[in-house]
Amino acid sequence: MLETPLFGRFSNEDRMLVFSAPTAYHALVRACVIGGGLATLYGVMGFMGITEPPIGTMWWTCTSLAVCLAGVFAAYSLVMIRFDGKSGMYRRREGAKAFGSTTVGPMGDLDALVMIAEPNSRMVPNGVTYHLVLHWKGGKEPPMVLQQDTRALPPGQPLNIWAQPLRERGIKYAHTLKVPFYDNAHMASPCPIRIF
C-alpha cells in the first residue's frame, strides 16, 4: 500500500499531540511546488523571449510543470490529525478525497487505540507491519492509522516479537488521549488502510 506514514510528536508542553508526515516530507512538497513553479515560469518566459530560453524549452517547461503539480497533489493528499489537550478537541485532515476534508470534534468521541500486526512480505521478506489504529465511538469517523512500523520477522518467532517499541508509544498516546489501549499484535490482522 502506497501511503505517507504518519509520526506522532508532542508540542506546547505536551498539551498538543500531532500526527503528520515527517518534516522532511513537508519540505520536499514545498520544494516541488515552489521550485517547479519557478522553473515553469522561467520556461514560459523563455518561450516569450523575455529570458534566454533554456535548452529544450518545451521539455523544460513540461517537466517543471509536472514537478509543480506533483507537489500540489502531494500537499492536497496529506493526512494529519491534531489533538488539543487544553480544549479537548481534535482536528482531522483527510486528504484521500478530491481536495481533502477537515473534520473537528471533541476528544470524547474517541473510542480506543488498537495495535494490530499485519503480515507484510511486500516491503520486507517475512515482514510484519505494526499499526496503531484509532477508532471513534459508533463509527463516527473511519479508523485512522496514527503510526506504523515494519520489521522483518525471524523464522519461527511470534508475530509480536518486535512490537514493544511501538506498543510503548501507543500506551503513551492512549494515556494522552484518555482512551483505552488494546494490544492485538499477537494475531494476524488485515491492512486497516482503505484503498479509496
N, C-alpha and C. Protein backbone atom coordinates (compact mmCIF):
# COMPACT_ATOMS: atom_id res chain seq x y z
N MET A 1 0.85 -1.18 0.00
CA MET A 1 0.00 0.00 0.00
C MET A 1 0.89 1.23 0.00
N LEU A 2 0.67 2.12 -0.95
CA LEU A 2 1.45 3.35 -1.04
C LEU A 2 0.77 4.41 -0.20
N GLU A 3 1.46 4.90 0.79
CA GLU A 3 0.91 5.93 1.67
C GLU A 3 2.07 6.67 2.33
N THR A 4 1.79 7.86 2.80
CA THR A 4 2.77 8.62 3.55
C THR A 4 2.59 8.27 5.02
N PRO A 5 3.59 7.65 5.65
CA PRO A 5 3.44 7.26 7.05
C PRO A 5 3.39 8.49 7.95
N LEU A 6 2.60 8.38 9.02
CA LEU A 6 2.47 9.46 10.00
C LEU A 6 3.35 9.15 11.20
N PHE A 7 3.79 10.21 11.87
CA PHE A 7 4.58 10.08 13.08
C PHE A 7 4.02 11.04 14.12
N GLY A 8 3.95 10.57 15.37
CA GLY A 8 3.42 11.40 16.44
C GLY A 8 4.49 12.24 17.09
N ARG A 9 4.11 13.45 17.48
CA ARG A 9 5.01 14.31 18.22
C ARG A 9 4.20 15.22 19.15
N PHE A 10 4.76 15.49 20.30
CA PHE A 10 4.12 16.37 21.27
C PHE A 10 4.64 17.78 21.09
N SER A 11 3.79 18.76 21.36
CA SER A 11 4.21 20.16 21.32
C SER A 11 3.43 20.93 22.38
N ASN A 12 3.77 22.20 22.54
CA ASN A 12 3.13 23.07 23.54
C ASN A 12 3.12 22.42 24.93
N GLU A 13 4.31 22.04 25.39
CA GLU A 13 4.48 21.42 26.70
C GLU A 13 3.60 20.19 26.86
N ASP A 14 3.58 19.36 25.83
CA ASP A 14 2.84 18.09 25.80
C ASP A 14 1.33 18.26 25.89
N ARG A 15 0.80 19.46 25.62
CA ARG A 15 -0.65 19.66 25.59
C ARG A 15 -1.22 19.36 24.21
N MET A 16 -0.38 19.37 23.19
CA MET A 16 -0.81 19.13 21.82
C MET A 16 -0.10 17.90 21.29
N LEU A 17 -0.87 16.99 20.71
CA LEU A 17 -0.32 15.78 20.10
C LEU A 17 -0.70 15.81 18.62
N VAL A 18 0.31 15.77 17.76
CA VAL A 18 0.09 15.89 16.31
C VAL A 18 0.66 14.66 15.62
N PHE A 19 -0.13 14.10 14.71
CA PHE A 19 0.31 13.00 13.86
C PHE A 19 0.30 13.51 12.43
N SER A 20 1.48 13.58 11.82
CA SER A 20 1.58 14.05 10.43
C SER A 20 2.82 13.44 9.79
N ALA A 21 2.99 13.74 8.52
CA ALA A 21 4.17 13.26 7.79
C ALA A 21 5.43 13.90 8.39
N PRO A 22 6.58 13.28 8.18
CA PRO A 22 7.83 13.85 8.71
C PRO A 22 8.10 15.25 8.13
N THR A 23 8.86 16.04 8.85
CA THR A 23 9.20 17.40 8.44
C THR A 23 9.91 17.41 7.09
N ALA A 24 10.77 16.42 6.85
CA ALA A 24 11.48 16.36 5.56
C ALA A 24 10.50 16.17 4.40
N TYR A 25 9.44 15.42 4.62
CA TYR A 25 8.43 15.23 3.57
C TYR A 25 7.73 16.55 3.25
N HIS A 26 7.38 17.31 4.29
CA HIS A 26 6.75 18.62 4.07
C HIS A 26 7.70 19.56 3.32
N ALA A 27 8.99 19.50 3.65
CA ALA A 27 9.97 20.34 2.95
C ALA A 27 10.07 19.94 1.48
N LEU A 28 10.04 18.65 1.20
CA LEU A 28 10.09 18.17 -0.18
C LEU A 28 8.87 18.63 -0.98
N VAL A 29 7.70 18.58 -0.37
CA VAL A 29 6.47 19.05 -1.03
C VAL A 29 6.59 20.53 -1.37
N ARG A 30 7.04 21.33 -0.40
CA ARG A 30 7.20 22.78 -0.65
C ARG A 30 8.22 23.04 -1.75
N ALA A 31 9.33 22.29 -1.73
CA ALA A 31 10.37 22.47 -2.76
C ALA A 31 9.82 22.13 -4.14
N CYS A 32 9.00 21.10 -4.25
CA CYS A 32 8.40 20.74 -5.55
C CYS A 32 7.47 21.85 -6.04
N VAL A 33 6.63 22.36 -5.17
CA VAL A 33 5.68 23.39 -5.58
C VAL A 33 6.41 24.67 -5.96
N ILE A 34 7.30 25.15 -5.09
CA ILE A 34 7.98 26.42 -5.35
C ILE A 34 8.99 26.28 -6.49
N GLY A 35 9.86 25.25 -6.40
CA GLY A 35 10.88 25.06 -7.44
C GLY A 35 10.26 24.76 -8.79
N GLY A 36 9.26 23.88 -8.81
CA GLY A 36 8.59 23.56 -10.07
C GLY A 36 7.87 24.76 -10.65
N GLY A 37 7.26 25.55 -9.79
CA GLY A 37 6.56 26.76 -10.26
C GLY A 37 7.52 27.79 -10.85
N LEU A 38 8.64 28.02 -10.17
CA LEU A 38 9.62 28.98 -10.67
C LEU A 38 10.26 28.50 -11.97
N ALA A 39 10.56 27.20 -12.05
CA ALA A 39 11.16 26.66 -13.27
C ALA A 39 10.17 26.72 -14.43
N THR A 40 8.89 26.50 -14.15
CA THR A 40 7.86 26.62 -15.19
C THR A 40 7.78 28.06 -15.68
N LEU A 41 7.81 29.00 -14.76
CA LEU A 41 7.77 30.42 -15.13
C LEU A 41 8.98 30.79 -15.99
N TYR A 42 10.15 30.27 -15.63
CA TYR A 42 11.36 30.52 -16.41
C TYR A 42 11.22 29.96 -17.82
N GLY A 43 10.64 28.76 -17.95
CA GLY A 43 10.44 28.17 -19.26
C GLY A 43 9.46 28.97 -20.10
N VAL A 44 8.37 29.43 -19.47
CA VAL A 44 7.38 30.25 -20.20
C VAL A 44 8.01 31.57 -20.63
N MET A 45 8.83 32.17 -19.78
CA MET A 45 9.49 33.43 -20.14
C MET A 45 10.47 33.20 -21.30
N GLY A 46 11.08 31.99 -21.37
CA GLY A 46 11.95 31.64 -22.49
C GLY A 46 11.15 31.54 -23.79
N PHE A 47 9.95 30.98 -23.70
CA PHE A 47 9.07 30.92 -24.87
C PHE A 47 8.74 32.32 -25.38
N MET A 48 8.53 33.23 -24.45
CA MET A 48 8.10 34.58 -24.81
C MET A 48 9.27 35.47 -25.21
N GLY A 49 10.49 34.98 -25.05
CA GLY A 49 11.67 35.75 -25.43
C GLY A 49 12.10 36.75 -24.37
N ILE A 50 11.56 36.67 -23.16
CA ILE A 50 11.92 37.60 -22.08
C ILE A 50 13.28 37.22 -21.49
N THR A 51 13.53 35.92 -21.38
CA THR A 51 14.81 35.45 -20.85
C THR A 51 15.47 34.58 -21.91
N GLU A 52 16.71 34.24 -21.65
CA GLU A 52 17.42 33.31 -22.53
C GLU A 52 16.70 31.96 -22.43
N PRO A 53 16.22 31.41 -23.54
CA PRO A 53 15.47 30.16 -23.44
C PRO A 53 16.36 29.02 -22.96
N PRO A 54 15.83 28.21 -22.00
CA PRO A 54 16.60 27.05 -21.54
C PRO A 54 16.70 26.03 -22.66
N ILE A 55 17.69 25.15 -22.55
CA ILE A 55 17.87 24.10 -23.54
C ILE A 55 16.64 23.19 -23.49
N GLY A 56 16.05 22.93 -24.63
CA GLY A 56 14.83 22.10 -24.68
C GLY A 56 13.69 22.77 -23.96
N THR A 57 13.33 23.97 -24.37
CA THR A 57 12.35 24.79 -23.68
C THR A 57 11.04 24.06 -23.42
N MET A 58 10.52 23.35 -24.40
CA MET A 58 9.26 22.63 -24.23
C MET A 58 9.41 21.53 -23.18
N TRP A 59 10.50 20.75 -23.27
CA TRP A 59 10.74 19.71 -22.29
C TRP A 59 10.90 20.31 -20.89
N TRP A 60 11.67 21.37 -20.79
CA TRP A 60 11.91 22.06 -19.52
C TRP A 60 10.60 22.51 -18.88
N THR A 61 9.77 23.16 -19.68
CA THR A 61 8.52 23.71 -19.16
C THR A 61 7.57 22.60 -18.72
N CYS A 62 7.43 21.57 -19.55
CA CYS A 62 6.51 20.47 -19.22
C CYS A 62 6.97 19.71 -17.98
N THR A 63 8.27 19.45 -17.89
CA THR A 63 8.81 18.73 -16.74
C THR A 63 8.66 19.56 -15.46
N SER A 64 8.94 20.84 -15.55
CA SER A 64 8.81 21.73 -14.39
C SER A 64 7.36 21.81 -13.93
N LEU A 65 6.45 21.90 -14.88
CA LEU A 65 5.03 21.95 -14.54
C LEU A 65 4.59 20.64 -13.88
N ALA A 66 5.09 19.50 -14.37
CA ALA A 66 4.76 18.21 -13.77
C ALA A 66 5.27 18.13 -12.33
N VAL A 67 6.47 18.63 -12.07
CA VAL A 67 7.02 18.63 -10.71
C VAL A 67 6.17 19.51 -9.80
N CYS A 68 5.77 20.68 -10.29
CA CYS A 68 4.93 21.58 -9.50
C CYS A 68 3.58 20.94 -9.19
N LEU A 69 2.96 20.32 -10.19
CA LEU A 69 1.66 19.69 -9.99
C LEU A 69 1.76 18.48 -9.06
N ALA A 70 2.88 17.75 -9.14
CA ALA A 70 3.08 16.63 -8.22
C ALA A 70 3.16 17.13 -6.78
N GLY A 71 3.82 18.27 -6.56
CA GLY A 71 3.88 18.85 -5.23
C GLY A 71 2.53 19.31 -4.73
N VAL A 72 1.73 19.90 -5.63
CA VAL A 72 0.38 20.34 -5.25
C VAL A 72 -0.48 19.12 -4.89
N PHE A 73 -0.41 18.07 -5.71
CA PHE A 73 -1.16 16.86 -5.43
C PHE A 73 -0.74 16.25 -4.09
N ALA A 74 0.55 16.21 -3.83
CA ALA A 74 1.05 15.67 -2.56
C ALA A 74 0.56 16.49 -1.38
N ALA A 75 0.52 17.83 -1.53
CA ALA A 75 0.06 18.70 -0.45
C ALA A 75 -1.42 18.45 -0.16
N TYR A 76 -2.23 18.29 -1.20
CA TYR A 76 -3.66 18.07 -1.01
C TYR A 76 -3.97 16.66 -0.51
N SER A 77 -3.08 15.71 -0.71
CA SER A 77 -3.35 14.34 -0.30
C SER A 77 -2.79 14.02 1.09
N LEU A 78 -2.15 14.98 1.74
CA LEU A 78 -1.60 14.73 3.07
C LEU A 78 -2.71 14.45 4.09
N VAL A 79 -2.41 13.56 5.01
CA VAL A 79 -3.31 13.21 6.09
C VAL A 79 -2.64 13.64 7.39
N MET A 80 -3.42 14.22 8.29
CA MET A 80 -2.88 14.57 9.60
C MET A 80 -4.02 14.69 10.60
N ILE A 81 -3.68 14.60 11.86
CA ILE A 81 -4.66 14.82 12.92
C ILE A 81 -3.94 15.48 14.09
N ARG A 82 -4.64 16.43 14.71
CA ARG A 82 -4.06 17.18 15.84
C ARG A 82 -5.04 17.10 17.01
N PHE A 83 -4.52 16.75 18.18
CA PHE A 83 -5.32 16.66 19.40
C PHE A 83 -4.88 17.77 20.34
N ASP A 84 -5.81 18.59 20.75
CA ASP A 84 -5.51 19.69 21.66
C ASP A 84 -6.02 19.32 23.05
N GLY A 85 -5.11 18.98 23.96
CA GLY A 85 -5.49 18.59 25.30
C GLY A 85 -6.13 19.70 26.10
N LYS A 86 -5.80 20.94 25.79
CA LYS A 86 -6.34 22.08 26.53
C LYS A 86 -7.82 22.28 26.21
N SER A 87 -8.17 22.27 24.93
CA SER A 87 -9.56 22.48 24.54
C SER A 87 -10.36 21.18 24.48
N GLY A 88 -9.66 20.03 24.46
CA GLY A 88 -10.33 18.74 24.38
C GLY A 88 -10.92 18.46 23.01
N MET A 89 -10.34 19.05 21.96
CA MET A 89 -10.84 18.88 20.59
C MET A 89 -9.77 18.26 19.71
N TYR A 90 -10.22 17.63 18.63
CA TYR A 90 -9.30 17.12 17.61
C TYR A 90 -9.66 17.77 16.28
N ARG A 91 -8.68 17.83 15.39
CA ARG A 91 -8.87 18.35 14.04
C ARG A 91 -8.19 17.36 13.09
N ARG A 92 -9.00 16.73 12.23
CA ARG A 92 -8.51 15.69 11.33
C ARG A 92 -8.55 16.18 9.89
N ARG A 93 -7.44 16.07 9.21
CA ARG A 93 -7.35 16.43 7.79
C ARG A 93 -7.18 15.15 7.00
N GLU A 94 -8.18 14.81 6.22
CA GLU A 94 -8.18 13.60 5.40
C GLU A 94 -7.96 14.01 3.97
N GLY A 95 -6.83 13.66 3.39
CA GLY A 95 -6.52 14.10 2.04
C GLY A 95 -6.89 13.13 0.95
N ALA A 96 -7.55 12.03 1.30
CA ALA A 96 -7.83 11.00 0.30
C ALA A 96 -8.94 11.39 -0.65
N LYS A 97 -9.75 12.37 -0.31
CA LYS A 97 -10.85 12.77 -1.18
C LYS A 97 -10.34 13.76 -2.21
N ALA A 98 -11.24 14.28 -3.05
CA ALA A 98 -10.84 15.14 -4.17
C ALA A 98 -9.86 16.23 -3.73
N PHE A 99 -10.26 17.09 -2.83
CA PHE A 99 -9.34 18.12 -2.33
C PHE A 99 -9.23 18.05 -0.81
N GLY A 100 -9.52 16.89 -0.28
CA GLY A 100 -9.39 16.69 1.16
C GLY A 100 -10.58 17.23 1.91
N SER A 101 -10.69 16.82 3.14
CA SER A 101 -11.74 17.32 4.02
C SER A 101 -11.18 17.43 5.42
N THR A 102 -11.74 18.33 6.18
CA THR A 102 -11.32 18.54 7.55
C THR A 102 -12.52 18.35 8.47
N THR A 103 -12.35 17.55 9.50
CA THR A 103 -13.40 17.38 10.49
C THR A 103 -12.85 17.78 11.85
N VAL A 104 -13.72 18.33 12.66
CA VAL A 104 -13.37 18.77 14.00
C VAL A 104 -14.37 18.14 14.96
N GLY A 105 -13.91 17.71 16.11
CA GLY A 105 -14.81 17.12 17.09
C GLY A 105 -14.16 17.04 18.46
N PRO A 106 -14.97 16.68 19.46
CA PRO A 106 -14.42 16.55 20.81
C PRO A 106 -13.66 15.23 20.97
N MET A 107 -12.65 15.26 21.81
CA MET A 107 -11.85 14.05 22.04
C MET A 107 -12.67 12.99 22.77
N GLY A 108 -13.82 13.37 23.32
CA GLY A 108 -14.72 12.40 23.95
C GLY A 108 -15.34 11.44 22.94
N ASP A 109 -15.28 11.78 21.65
CA ASP A 109 -15.79 10.90 20.60
C ASP A 109 -14.84 9.74 20.29
N LEU A 110 -13.61 9.80 20.80
CA LEU A 110 -12.64 8.74 20.54
C LEU A 110 -12.99 7.51 21.35
N ASP A 111 -12.83 6.32 20.73
CA ASP A 111 -13.20 5.07 21.39
C ASP A 111 -12.00 4.34 21.96
N ALA A 112 -11.01 4.03 21.11
CA ALA A 112 -9.87 3.25 21.58
C ALA A 112 -8.72 3.36 20.59
N LEU A 113 -7.53 3.06 21.09
CA LEU A 113 -6.33 2.95 20.26
C LEU A 113 -5.93 1.48 20.27
N VAL A 114 -5.87 0.88 19.09
CA VAL A 114 -5.63 -0.56 18.97
C VAL A 114 -4.35 -0.80 18.18
N MET A 115 -3.51 -1.67 18.70
CA MET A 115 -2.30 -2.06 17.98
C MET A 115 -2.56 -3.40 17.31
N ILE A 116 -2.33 -3.44 15.99
CA ILE A 116 -2.53 -4.69 15.24
C ILE A 116 -1.25 -5.03 14.49
N ALA A 117 -1.15 -6.28 14.07
CA ALA A 117 0.01 -6.75 13.30
C ALA A 117 -0.49 -7.31 11.97
N GLU A 118 0.05 -6.76 10.87
CA GLU A 118 -0.31 -7.22 9.53
C GLU A 118 0.89 -7.93 8.92
N PRO A 119 0.76 -9.22 8.62
CA PRO A 119 1.85 -9.88 7.89
C PRO A 119 2.06 -9.16 6.56
N ASN A 120 3.30 -8.79 6.27
CA ASN A 120 3.56 -7.92 5.12
C ASN A 120 4.88 -8.32 4.47
N SER A 121 4.81 -9.19 3.48
CA SER A 121 6.03 -9.59 2.78
C SER A 121 6.28 -8.75 1.54
N ARG A 122 5.43 -7.78 1.26
CA ARG A 122 5.63 -6.91 0.10
C ARG A 122 6.82 -5.98 0.30
N MET A 123 6.98 -5.46 1.50
CA MET A 123 8.03 -4.49 1.76
C MET A 123 9.31 -5.14 2.27
N VAL A 124 9.15 -6.14 3.13
CA VAL A 124 10.29 -6.81 3.76
C VAL A 124 10.02 -8.32 3.71
N PRO A 125 10.98 -9.13 3.28
CA PRO A 125 10.75 -10.58 3.31
C PRO A 125 10.42 -11.05 4.73
N ASN A 126 9.40 -11.88 4.85
CA ASN A 126 8.91 -12.35 6.16
C ASN A 126 8.60 -11.16 7.08
N GLY A 127 8.07 -10.09 6.51
CA GLY A 127 7.84 -8.87 7.27
C GLY A 127 6.52 -8.85 8.01
N VAL A 128 6.46 -7.96 8.97
CA VAL A 128 5.23 -7.68 9.70
C VAL A 128 5.17 -6.17 9.89
N THR A 129 3.99 -5.61 9.68
CA THR A 129 3.79 -4.18 9.89
C THR A 129 2.86 -4.01 11.09
N TYR A 130 3.35 -3.30 12.10
CA TYR A 130 2.54 -2.99 13.27
C TYR A 130 1.87 -1.64 13.04
N HIS A 131 0.55 -1.59 13.28
CA HIS A 131 -0.22 -0.36 13.08
C HIS A 131 -0.84 0.06 14.41
N LEU A 132 -0.80 1.35 14.71
CA LEU A 132 -1.60 1.93 15.80
C LEU A 132 -2.83 2.53 15.15
N VAL A 133 -4.00 1.95 15.40
CA VAL A 133 -5.24 2.35 14.73
C VAL A 133 -6.16 3.01 15.75
N LEU A 134 -6.59 4.23 15.44
CA LEU A 134 -7.51 4.98 16.30
C LEU A 134 -8.94 4.74 15.82
N HIS A 135 -9.83 4.42 16.76
CA HIS A 135 -11.24 4.17 16.45
C HIS A 135 -12.11 5.22 17.16
N TRP A 136 -13.22 5.56 16.50
CA TRP A 136 -14.18 6.51 17.05
C TRP A 136 -15.41 5.76 17.55
N LYS A 137 -16.09 6.32 18.55
CA LYS A 137 -17.31 5.72 19.08
C LYS A 137 -18.39 5.71 18.00
N GLY A 138 -19.07 4.60 17.90
CA GLY A 138 -20.18 4.50 16.96
C GLY A 138 -19.78 4.63 15.50
N GLY A 139 -18.49 4.50 15.19
CA GLY A 139 -18.03 4.63 13.81
C GLY A 139 -18.24 6.03 13.25
N LYS A 140 -18.21 7.04 14.12
CA LYS A 140 -18.42 8.43 13.67
C LYS A 140 -17.45 8.83 12.58
N GLU A 141 -16.21 8.41 12.71
CA GLU A 141 -15.16 8.65 11.70
C GLU A 141 -14.58 7.30 11.31
N PRO A 142 -14.03 7.18 10.10
CA PRO A 142 -13.36 5.93 9.76
C PRO A 142 -12.09 5.75 10.60
N PRO A 143 -11.72 4.50 10.90
CA PRO A 143 -10.48 4.28 11.67
C PRO A 143 -9.30 4.95 10.97
N MET A 144 -8.33 5.38 11.77
CA MET A 144 -7.17 6.09 11.24
C MET A 144 -5.89 5.48 11.78
N VAL A 145 -4.95 5.16 10.88
CA VAL A 145 -3.64 4.65 11.30
C VAL A 145 -2.80 5.85 11.73
N LEU A 146 -2.47 5.90 13.01
CA LEU A 146 -1.69 7.02 13.54
C LEU A 146 -0.20 6.83 13.33
N GLN A 147 0.27 5.60 13.44
CA GLN A 147 1.69 5.34 13.28
C GLN A 147 1.87 3.87 12.95
N GLN A 148 2.96 3.54 12.25
CA GLN A 148 3.22 2.15 11.90
C GLN A 148 4.71 1.90 11.87
N ASP A 149 5.04 0.62 11.92
CA ASP A 149 6.44 0.21 11.91
C ASP A 149 6.51 -1.15 11.21
N THR A 150 7.41 -1.29 10.23
CA THR A 150 7.57 -2.55 9.51
C THR A 150 8.91 -3.17 9.87
N ARG A 151 8.88 -4.44 10.21
CA ARG A 151 10.09 -5.17 10.61
C ARG A 151 10.13 -6.53 9.93
N ALA A 152 11.34 -7.11 9.85
CA ALA A 152 11.50 -8.48 9.36
C ALA A 152 11.28 -9.44 10.52
N LEU A 153 10.45 -10.43 10.30
CA LEU A 153 10.12 -11.38 11.35
C LEU A 153 11.06 -12.59 11.25
N PRO A 154 11.85 -12.88 12.29
CA PRO A 154 12.73 -14.05 12.24
C PRO A 154 11.89 -15.34 12.15
N PRO A 155 12.37 -16.33 11.41
CA PRO A 155 11.61 -17.59 11.27
C PRO A 155 11.32 -18.23 12.63
N GLY A 156 10.09 -18.69 12.79
CA GLY A 156 9.70 -19.40 14.00
C GLY A 156 9.39 -18.52 15.19
N GLN A 157 9.43 -17.20 15.04
CA GLN A 157 9.17 -16.29 16.15
C GLN A 157 7.71 -15.84 16.14
N PRO A 158 7.17 -15.47 17.30
CA PRO A 158 5.78 -14.99 17.33
C PRO A 158 5.63 -13.67 16.57
N LEU A 159 4.41 -13.39 16.14
CA LEU A 159 4.13 -12.22 15.32
C LEU A 159 4.45 -10.91 16.04
N ASN A 160 4.35 -10.89 17.35
CA ASN A 160 4.54 -9.63 18.10
C ASN A 160 5.94 -9.46 18.68
N ILE A 161 6.93 -10.15 18.14
CA ILE A 161 8.28 -10.10 18.72
C ILE A 161 8.89 -8.70 18.68
N TRP A 162 8.60 -7.90 17.64
CA TRP A 162 9.17 -6.55 17.52
C TRP A 162 8.18 -5.46 17.89
N ALA A 163 7.10 -5.79 18.54
CA ALA A 163 6.02 -4.83 18.80
C ALA A 163 6.30 -3.88 19.97
N GLN A 164 7.24 -4.21 20.84
CA GLN A 164 7.43 -3.45 22.08
C GLN A 164 7.66 -1.95 21.88
N PRO A 165 8.56 -1.49 20.99
CA PRO A 165 8.76 -0.04 20.87
C PRO A 165 7.49 0.72 20.48
N LEU A 166 6.73 0.19 19.52
CA LEU A 166 5.50 0.88 19.11
C LEU A 166 4.42 0.73 20.17
N ARG A 167 4.42 -0.39 20.89
CA ARG A 167 3.47 -0.59 21.98
C ARG A 167 3.65 0.48 23.06
N GLU A 168 4.92 0.75 23.40
CA GLU A 168 5.18 1.76 24.44
C GLU A 168 4.69 3.13 24.00
N ARG A 169 4.94 3.48 22.72
CA ARG A 169 4.43 4.76 22.22
C ARG A 169 2.90 4.77 22.22
N GLY A 170 2.31 3.66 21.82
CA GLY A 170 0.85 3.57 21.80
C GLY A 170 0.23 3.77 23.16
N ILE A 171 0.84 3.19 24.18
CA ILE A 171 0.33 3.35 25.55
C ILE A 171 0.43 4.81 25.97
N LYS A 172 1.53 5.47 25.62
CA LYS A 172 1.69 6.89 25.96
C LYS A 172 0.66 7.74 25.20
N TYR A 173 0.44 7.45 23.92
CA TYR A 173 -0.56 8.20 23.14
C TYR A 173 -1.96 7.98 23.72
N ALA A 174 -2.30 6.72 24.06
CA ALA A 174 -3.63 6.42 24.60
C ALA A 174 -3.85 7.14 25.92
N HIS A 175 -2.81 7.20 26.75
CA HIS A 175 -2.92 7.92 28.03
C HIS A 175 -3.18 9.41 27.79
N THR A 176 -2.48 9.99 26.81
CA THR A 176 -2.69 11.41 26.49
C THR A 176 -4.09 11.65 25.95
N LEU A 177 -4.59 10.73 25.11
CA LEU A 177 -5.92 10.88 24.52
C LEU A 177 -7.04 10.44 25.45
N LYS A 178 -6.69 9.83 26.58
CA LYS A 178 -7.65 9.35 27.56
C LYS A 178 -8.60 8.30 26.97
N VAL A 179 -8.00 7.35 26.24
CA VAL A 179 -8.75 6.24 25.68
C VAL A 179 -8.05 4.94 26.05
N PRO A 180 -8.77 3.82 26.06
CA PRO A 180 -8.10 2.54 26.36
C PRO A 180 -7.18 2.12 25.21
N PHE A 181 -6.15 1.37 25.57
CA PHE A 181 -5.21 0.84 24.59
C PHE A 181 -5.35 -0.68 24.57
N TYR A 182 -5.53 -1.23 23.36
CA TYR A 182 -5.65 -2.67 23.19
C TYR A 182 -4.50 -3.15 22.31
N ASP A 183 -3.81 -4.20 22.77
CA ASP A 183 -2.70 -4.77 22.02
C ASP A 183 -3.16 -6.07 21.37
N ASN A 184 -3.42 -6.04 20.07
CA ASN A 184 -3.81 -7.24 19.32
C ASN A 184 -2.70 -7.68 18.37
N ALA A 185 -1.46 -7.34 18.70
CA ALA A 185 -0.33 -7.65 17.82
C ALA A 185 0.06 -9.13 17.85
N HIS A 186 -0.56 -9.92 18.71
CA HIS A 186 -0.24 -11.34 18.79
C HIS A 186 -0.92 -12.16 17.71
N MET A 187 -1.90 -11.54 16.99
CA MET A 187 -2.59 -12.29 15.94
C MET A 187 -2.58 -11.47 14.64
N ALA A 188 -2.63 -12.17 13.52
CA ALA A 188 -2.58 -11.51 12.20
C ALA A 188 -3.89 -10.77 11.94
N SER A 189 -3.75 -9.56 11.40
CA SER A 189 -4.89 -8.72 11.04
C SER A 189 -4.71 -8.23 9.61
N PRO A 190 -5.82 -7.93 8.92
CA PRO A 190 -5.69 -7.38 7.57
C PRO A 190 -5.25 -5.92 7.62
N CYS A 191 -4.82 -5.39 6.48
CA CYS A 191 -4.41 -3.99 6.39
C CYS A 191 -5.58 -3.08 6.74
N PRO A 192 -5.42 -2.16 7.68
CA PRO A 192 -6.54 -1.30 8.10
C PRO A 192 -6.74 -0.08 7.20
N ILE A 193 -5.90 0.09 6.17
CA ILE A 193 -5.95 1.30 5.36
C ILE A 193 -6.89 1.09 4.19
N ARG A 194 -7.81 2.04 4.00
CA ARG A 194 -8.73 1.98 2.89
C ARG A 194 -8.00 2.31 1.59
N ILE A 195 -8.35 1.62 0.51
CA ILE A 195 -7.73 1.93 -0.79
C ILE A 195 -8.28 3.25 -1.32
N PHE A 196 -9.58 3.48 -1.20
CA PHE A 196 -10.20 4.72 -1.67
C PHE A 196 -10.88 5.40 -0.52
